[in-house]
Amino acid sequence: MPRARNRVASRQRRKKVLRLAKGYWGSRSKVYTVAKHAVDKGLQYSYRDRRKRKQHFRRLWIARINAGARLNGTTYSRLSSALRKQEIALNRKVLADLAMNEPEIFAQVVQQVHQSDA
């Protein structure tokens, strides 16, 4: 009696990898063994970069807040310290958005924080 191989499952597994490799260049999207390596590496990058994205946004927000703070005569460090001392719970994302899109309101926040800090 011949050895039974689960051909359906094997085919599905290969199709899944090739589906994930769709859009890759050349044999990376056509040849199973090459596609498998490309997909594995791509999944590693996507896992890593989902975490990296958070770091990138934090750096962007800090740069924007610092730029807005310097226009108002202070620095990011002093502003964040004053906000913490007064227990004002505005996160970096909100502060960066205010600094970029609502500079007048951001200036009021900075003025309010430093007025009661002094």
N, C-alpha and C. Protein backbone atom coordinates (compact mmCIF):
# COMPACT_ATOMS: atom_id res chain seq x y z
N MET A 1 0.84 -1.19 0.00
CA MET A 1 0.00 0.00 0.00
C MET A 1 0.89 1.25 0.00
N PRO A 2 0.62 2.20 -0.89
CA PRO A 2 1.46 3.40 -0.95
C PRO A 2 1.27 4.30 0.27
N ARG A 3 2.30 5.07 0.52
CA ARG A 3 2.27 5.99 1.65
C ARG A 3 1.26 7.10 1.36
N ALA A 4 0.45 7.41 2.35
CA ALA A 4 -0.56 8.47 2.18
C ALA A 4 0.06 9.82 2.51
N ARG A 5 -0.12 10.74 1.60
CA ARG A 5 0.34 12.11 1.84
C ARG A 5 -0.89 13.00 1.78
N ASN A 6 -0.94 13.94 2.67
CA ASN A 6 -2.10 14.83 2.69
C ASN A 6 -1.87 15.94 1.66
N ARG A 7 -2.15 15.62 0.42
CA ARG A 7 -1.86 16.52 -0.67
C ARG A 7 -2.68 17.81 -0.59
N VAL A 8 -3.90 17.71 -0.09
CA VAL A 8 -4.76 18.89 0.02
C VAL A 8 -4.14 19.92 0.96
N ALA A 9 -3.71 19.47 2.12
CA ALA A 9 -3.12 20.37 3.11
C ALA A 9 -1.81 20.96 2.59
N SER A 10 -1.00 20.14 1.92
CA SER A 10 0.28 20.63 1.38
C SER A 10 0.02 21.73 0.36
N ARG A 11 -0.94 21.49 -0.50
CA ARG A 11 -1.27 22.47 -1.54
C ARG A 11 -1.77 23.77 -0.92
N GLN A 12 -2.63 23.64 0.08
CA GLN A 12 -3.16 24.83 0.76
C GLN A 12 -2.03 25.64 1.41
N ARG A 13 -1.08 24.93 2.01
CA ARG A 13 0.04 25.60 2.66
C ARG A 13 0.85 26.39 1.65
N ARG A 14 1.12 25.77 0.51
CA ARG A 14 1.89 26.46 -0.54
C ARG A 14 1.12 27.63 -1.12
N LYS A 15 -0.17 27.43 -1.32
CA LYS A 15 -1.00 28.52 -1.87
C LYS A 15 -1.04 29.72 -0.93
N LYS A 16 -1.07 29.43 0.37
CA LYS A 16 -1.10 30.50 1.37
C LYS A 16 0.16 31.35 1.28
N VAL A 17 1.31 30.68 1.16
CA VAL A 17 2.59 31.40 1.07
C VAL A 17 2.63 32.22 -0.21
N LEU A 18 2.20 31.64 -1.33
CA LEU A 18 2.23 32.35 -2.60
C LEU A 18 1.24 33.52 -2.60
N ARG A 19 0.13 33.36 -1.88
CA ARG A 19 -0.83 34.46 -1.76
C ARG A 19 -0.21 35.61 -0.98
N LEU A 20 0.53 35.30 0.08
CA LEU A 20 1.20 36.33 0.87
C LEU A 20 2.30 37.02 0.08
N ALA A 21 2.90 36.28 -0.89
CA ALA A 21 4.01 36.82 -1.68
C ALA A 21 3.51 37.57 -2.92
N LYS A 22 2.21 37.67 -3.09
CA LYS A 22 1.67 38.35 -4.27
C LYS A 22 2.16 39.80 -4.30
N GLY A 23 2.66 40.22 -5.45
CA GLY A 23 3.18 41.57 -5.58
C GLY A 23 4.69 41.65 -5.42
N TYR A 24 5.33 40.59 -4.94
CA TYR A 24 6.78 40.58 -4.84
C TYR A 24 7.36 40.47 -6.25
N TRP A 25 8.60 40.86 -6.40
CA TRP A 25 9.24 40.94 -7.71
C TRP A 25 9.79 39.57 -8.14
N GLY A 26 9.56 39.22 -9.38
CA GLY A 26 10.18 38.04 -9.99
C GLY A 26 9.82 36.74 -9.31
N SER A 27 10.84 35.91 -9.11
CA SER A 27 10.59 34.58 -8.57
C SER A 27 10.14 34.62 -7.11
N ARG A 28 10.29 35.75 -6.45
CA ARG A 28 9.84 35.88 -5.07
C ARG A 28 8.32 35.71 -4.97
N SER A 29 7.62 35.91 -6.07
CA SER A 29 6.16 35.74 -6.04
C SER A 29 5.71 34.50 -6.81
N LYS A 30 6.65 33.78 -7.45
CA LYS A 30 6.28 32.65 -8.31
C LYS A 30 6.77 31.30 -7.78
N VAL A 31 8.01 31.27 -7.32
CA VAL A 31 8.65 30.02 -6.90
C VAL A 31 8.44 29.84 -5.39
N TYR A 32 7.88 28.70 -5.02
CA TYR A 32 7.48 28.49 -3.62
C TYR A 32 8.65 28.67 -2.65
N THR A 33 9.78 28.01 -2.91
CA THR A 33 10.88 28.06 -1.94
C THR A 33 11.43 29.47 -1.78
N VAL A 34 11.52 30.21 -2.87
CA VAL A 34 12.01 31.59 -2.81
C VAL A 34 10.97 32.46 -2.11
N ALA A 35 9.69 32.25 -2.46
CA ALA A 35 8.61 33.04 -1.87
C ALA A 35 8.52 32.80 -0.37
N LYS A 36 8.76 31.57 0.04
CA LYS A 36 8.67 31.23 1.46
C LYS A 36 9.68 32.04 2.27
N HIS A 37 10.91 32.13 1.77
CA HIS A 37 11.94 32.92 2.46
C HIS A 37 11.57 34.40 2.48
N ALA A 38 11.08 34.90 1.35
CA ALA A 38 10.71 36.32 1.25
C ALA A 38 9.56 36.65 2.20
N VAL A 39 8.57 35.77 2.26
CA VAL A 39 7.42 35.99 3.14
C VAL A 39 7.84 35.93 4.60
N ASP A 40 8.69 34.96 4.96
CA ASP A 40 9.17 34.86 6.34
C ASP A 40 9.88 36.14 6.76
N LYS A 41 10.75 36.64 5.90
CA LYS A 41 11.49 37.86 6.21
C LYS A 41 10.55 39.05 6.29
N GLY A 42 9.59 39.10 5.37
CA GLY A 42 8.61 40.19 5.39
C GLY A 42 7.80 40.21 6.66
N LEU A 43 7.42 39.04 7.15
CA LEU A 43 6.66 38.96 8.40
C LEU A 43 7.50 39.38 9.59
N GLN A 44 8.81 39.07 9.55
CA GLN A 44 9.70 39.52 10.62
C GLN A 44 9.78 41.04 10.64
N TYR A 45 9.94 41.63 9.45
CA TYR A 45 10.01 43.09 9.36
C TYR A 45 8.72 43.74 9.84
N SER A 46 7.57 43.17 9.45
CA SER A 46 6.31 43.79 9.83
C SER A 46 6.11 43.72 11.34
N TYR A 47 6.52 42.63 11.97
CA TYR A 47 6.42 42.50 13.43
C TYR A 47 7.30 43.55 14.11
N ARG A 48 8.54 43.64 13.64
CA ARG A 48 9.48 44.61 14.23
C ARG A 48 9.00 46.04 14.03
N ASP A 49 8.54 46.33 12.82
CA ASP A 49 8.22 47.71 12.48
C ASP A 49 6.89 48.18 13.06
N ARG A 50 6.02 47.25 13.46
CA ARG A 50 4.83 47.68 14.19
C ARG A 50 5.23 48.31 15.51
N ARG A 51 6.29 47.81 16.10
CA ARG A 51 6.80 48.40 17.34
C ARG A 51 7.62 49.66 17.06
N LYS A 52 8.39 49.64 15.99
CA LYS A 52 9.20 50.81 15.62
C LYS A 52 8.34 52.03 15.31
N ARG A 53 7.16 51.77 14.71
CA ARG A 53 6.26 52.88 14.33
C ARG A 53 5.93 53.73 15.55
N LYS A 54 5.75 53.11 16.70
CA LYS A 54 5.44 53.84 17.92
C LYS A 54 6.59 54.75 18.31
N GLN A 55 7.83 54.27 18.15
CA GLN A 55 9.00 55.10 18.46
C GLN A 55 9.09 56.28 17.50
N HIS A 56 8.82 56.02 16.22
CA HIS A 56 8.92 57.09 15.22
C HIS A 56 7.91 58.20 15.51
N PHE A 57 6.68 57.82 15.85
CA PHE A 57 5.67 58.83 16.14
C PHE A 57 6.02 59.62 17.39
N ARG A 58 6.54 58.94 18.40
CA ARG A 58 6.92 59.64 19.64
C ARG A 58 7.99 60.69 19.33
N ARG A 59 8.99 60.31 18.52
CA ARG A 59 10.04 61.27 18.15
C ARG A 59 9.48 62.44 17.37
N LEU A 60 8.55 62.17 16.46
CA LEU A 60 7.93 63.23 15.66
C LEU A 60 7.15 64.19 16.56
N TRP A 61 6.36 63.63 17.48
CA TRP A 61 5.56 64.46 18.38
C TRP A 61 6.46 65.33 19.25
N ILE A 62 7.55 64.77 19.77
CA ILE A 62 8.46 65.54 20.62
C ILE A 62 9.09 66.68 19.82
N ALA A 63 9.47 66.41 18.57
CA ALA A 63 10.07 67.46 17.73
C ALA A 63 9.07 68.59 17.49
N ARG A 64 7.81 68.23 17.24
CA ARG A 64 6.78 69.26 16.99
C ARG A 64 6.48 70.07 18.25
N ILE A 65 6.40 69.40 19.38
CA ILE A 65 6.14 70.11 20.64
C ILE A 65 7.30 71.04 20.95
N ASN A 66 8.52 70.56 20.76
CA ASN A 66 9.70 71.37 21.02
C ASN A 66 9.72 72.61 20.14
N ALA A 67 9.40 72.43 18.86
CA ALA A 67 9.36 73.58 17.94
C ALA A 67 8.33 74.60 18.40
N GLY A 68 7.15 74.11 18.76
CA GLY A 68 6.09 75.01 19.24
C GLY A 68 6.48 75.67 20.55
N ALA A 69 7.11 74.93 21.44
CA ALA A 69 7.51 75.47 22.74
C ALA A 69 8.57 76.56 22.56
N ARG A 70 9.52 76.32 21.67
CA ARG A 70 10.57 77.32 21.45
C ARG A 70 10.02 78.61 20.85
N LEU A 71 8.96 78.50 20.05
CA LEU A 71 8.31 79.71 19.54
C LEU A 71 7.66 80.51 20.67
N ASN A 72 7.37 79.83 21.76
CA ASN A 72 6.72 80.48 22.90
C ASN A 72 7.68 80.70 24.07
N GLY A 73 8.97 80.64 23.80
CA GLY A 73 9.97 81.02 24.79
C GLY A 73 10.32 79.98 25.84
N THR A 74 10.13 78.73 25.54
CA THR A 74 10.52 77.67 26.47
C THR A 74 11.05 76.48 25.67
N THR A 75 11.29 75.38 26.34
CA THR A 75 11.76 74.18 25.65
C THR A 75 10.81 73.03 25.97
N TYR A 76 10.96 71.95 25.22
CA TYR A 76 10.14 70.76 25.45
C TYR A 76 10.34 70.25 26.86
N SER A 77 11.59 70.21 27.30
CA SER A 77 11.92 69.67 28.62
C SER A 77 11.24 70.47 29.72
N ARG A 78 11.34 71.77 29.67
CA ARG A 78 10.73 72.62 30.70
C ARG A 78 9.21 72.54 30.65
N LEU A 79 8.67 72.50 29.45
CA LEU A 79 7.21 72.43 29.29
C LEU A 79 6.67 71.11 29.86
N SER A 80 7.31 69.99 29.50
CA SER A 80 6.82 68.70 29.98
C SER A 80 6.97 68.59 31.50
N SER A 81 8.03 69.14 32.04
CA SER A 81 8.23 69.14 33.48
C SER A 81 7.14 69.94 34.18
N ALA A 82 6.83 71.12 33.66
CA ALA A 82 5.79 71.97 34.25
C ALA A 82 4.42 71.31 34.15
N LEU A 83 4.14 70.66 33.03
CA LEU A 83 2.86 69.96 32.88
C LEU A 83 2.73 68.83 33.90
N ARG A 84 3.83 68.11 34.11
CA ARG A 84 3.82 67.01 35.08
C ARG A 84 3.61 67.52 36.51
N LYS A 85 4.30 68.62 36.86
CA LYS A 85 4.18 69.19 38.21
C LYS A 85 2.75 69.62 38.51
N GLN A 86 2.09 70.16 37.51
CA GLN A 86 0.71 70.64 37.70
C GLN A 86 -0.33 69.57 37.42
N GLU A 87 0.13 68.37 37.12
CA GLU A 87 -0.74 67.22 36.87
C GLU A 87 -1.75 67.49 35.75
N ILE A 88 -1.26 68.14 34.70
CA ILE A 88 -2.08 68.37 33.50
C ILE A 88 -1.84 67.19 32.57
N ALA A 89 -2.89 66.45 32.28
CA ALA A 89 -2.76 65.20 31.53
C ALA A 89 -3.02 65.41 30.04
N LEU A 90 -2.10 66.07 29.37
CA LEU A 90 -2.15 66.20 27.91
C LEU A 90 -1.01 65.34 27.37
N ASN A 91 -1.35 64.35 26.55
CA ASN A 91 -0.29 63.48 26.05
C ASN A 91 0.44 64.14 24.87
N ARG A 92 1.53 63.51 24.45
CA ARG A 92 2.36 64.08 23.39
C ARG A 92 1.60 64.24 22.08
N LYS A 93 0.74 63.28 21.77
CA LYS A 93 -0.01 63.32 20.52
C LYS A 93 -0.90 64.57 20.47
N VAL A 94 -1.60 64.84 21.55
CA VAL A 94 -2.49 66.00 21.62
C VAL A 94 -1.69 67.29 21.58
N LEU A 95 -0.61 67.35 22.36
CA LEU A 95 0.22 68.56 22.37
C LEU A 95 0.83 68.84 21.00
N ALA A 96 1.29 67.80 20.33
CA ALA A 96 1.88 67.97 19.00
C ALA A 96 0.82 68.47 18.02
N ASP A 97 -0.39 67.94 18.11
CA ASP A 97 -1.47 68.38 17.23
C ASP A 97 -1.81 69.84 17.49
N LEU A 98 -1.85 70.24 18.76
CA LEU A 98 -2.11 71.64 19.09
C LEU A 98 -0.99 72.54 18.55
N ALA A 99 0.25 72.11 18.74
CA ALA A 99 1.39 72.91 18.28
C ALA A 99 1.37 73.11 16.77
N MET A 100 0.94 72.08 16.04
CA MET A 100 0.93 72.17 14.57
C MET A 100 -0.30 72.91 14.04
N ASN A 101 -1.48 72.54 14.53
CA ASN A 101 -2.72 73.01 13.91
C ASN A 101 -3.40 74.15 14.65
N GLU A 102 -3.14 74.30 15.94
CA GLU A 102 -3.77 75.36 16.75
C GLU A 102 -2.70 76.09 17.57
N PRO A 103 -1.82 76.84 16.90
CA PRO A 103 -0.71 77.47 17.64
C PRO A 103 -1.17 78.46 18.72
N GLU A 104 -2.33 79.10 18.51
CA GLU A 104 -2.82 80.07 19.52
C GLU A 104 -3.19 79.34 20.81
N ILE A 105 -3.88 78.23 20.66
CA ILE A 105 -4.29 77.45 21.84
C ILE A 105 -3.06 76.85 22.53
N PHE A 106 -2.09 76.39 21.73
CA PHE A 106 -0.85 75.85 22.30
C PHE A 106 -0.13 76.94 23.08
N ALA A 107 -0.10 78.16 22.55
CA ALA A 107 0.53 79.28 23.25
C ALA A 107 -0.17 79.56 24.57
N GLN A 108 -1.50 79.44 24.58
CA GLN A 108 -2.25 79.63 25.83
C GLN A 108 -1.91 78.56 26.86
N VAL A 109 -1.75 77.33 26.40
CA VAL A 109 -1.39 76.23 27.30
C VAL A 109 -0.02 76.51 27.90
N VAL A 110 0.94 76.90 27.07
CA VAL A 110 2.29 77.19 27.54
C VAL A 110 2.26 78.34 28.55
N GLN A 111 1.50 79.39 28.21
CA GLN A 111 1.40 80.56 29.09
C GLN A 111 0.76 80.17 30.43
N GLN A 112 -0.29 79.40 30.36
CA GLN A 112 -0.99 78.96 31.58
C GLN A 112 -0.08 78.14 32.48
N VAL A 113 0.67 77.23 31.88
CA VAL A 113 1.56 76.36 32.65
C VAL A 113 2.66 77.16 33.32
N HIS A 114 3.26 78.09 32.59
CA HIS A 114 4.38 78.84 33.15
C HIS A 114 3.92 79.95 34.06
N GLN A 115 2.69 80.41 33.90
CA GLN A 115 2.13 81.45 34.78
C GLN A 115 1.96 80.89 36.18
N SER A 116 1.35 79.72 36.27
CA SER A 116 1.12 79.15 37.60
C SER A 116 2.35 78.42 38.14
N ASP A 117 3.36 78.19 37.27
CA ASP A 117 4.60 77.54 37.71
C ASP A 117 5.49 78.54 38.44
N ALA A 118 5.41 79.80 38.05
CA ALA A 118 6.29 80.84 38.62
C ALA A 118 5.88 81.30 39.99
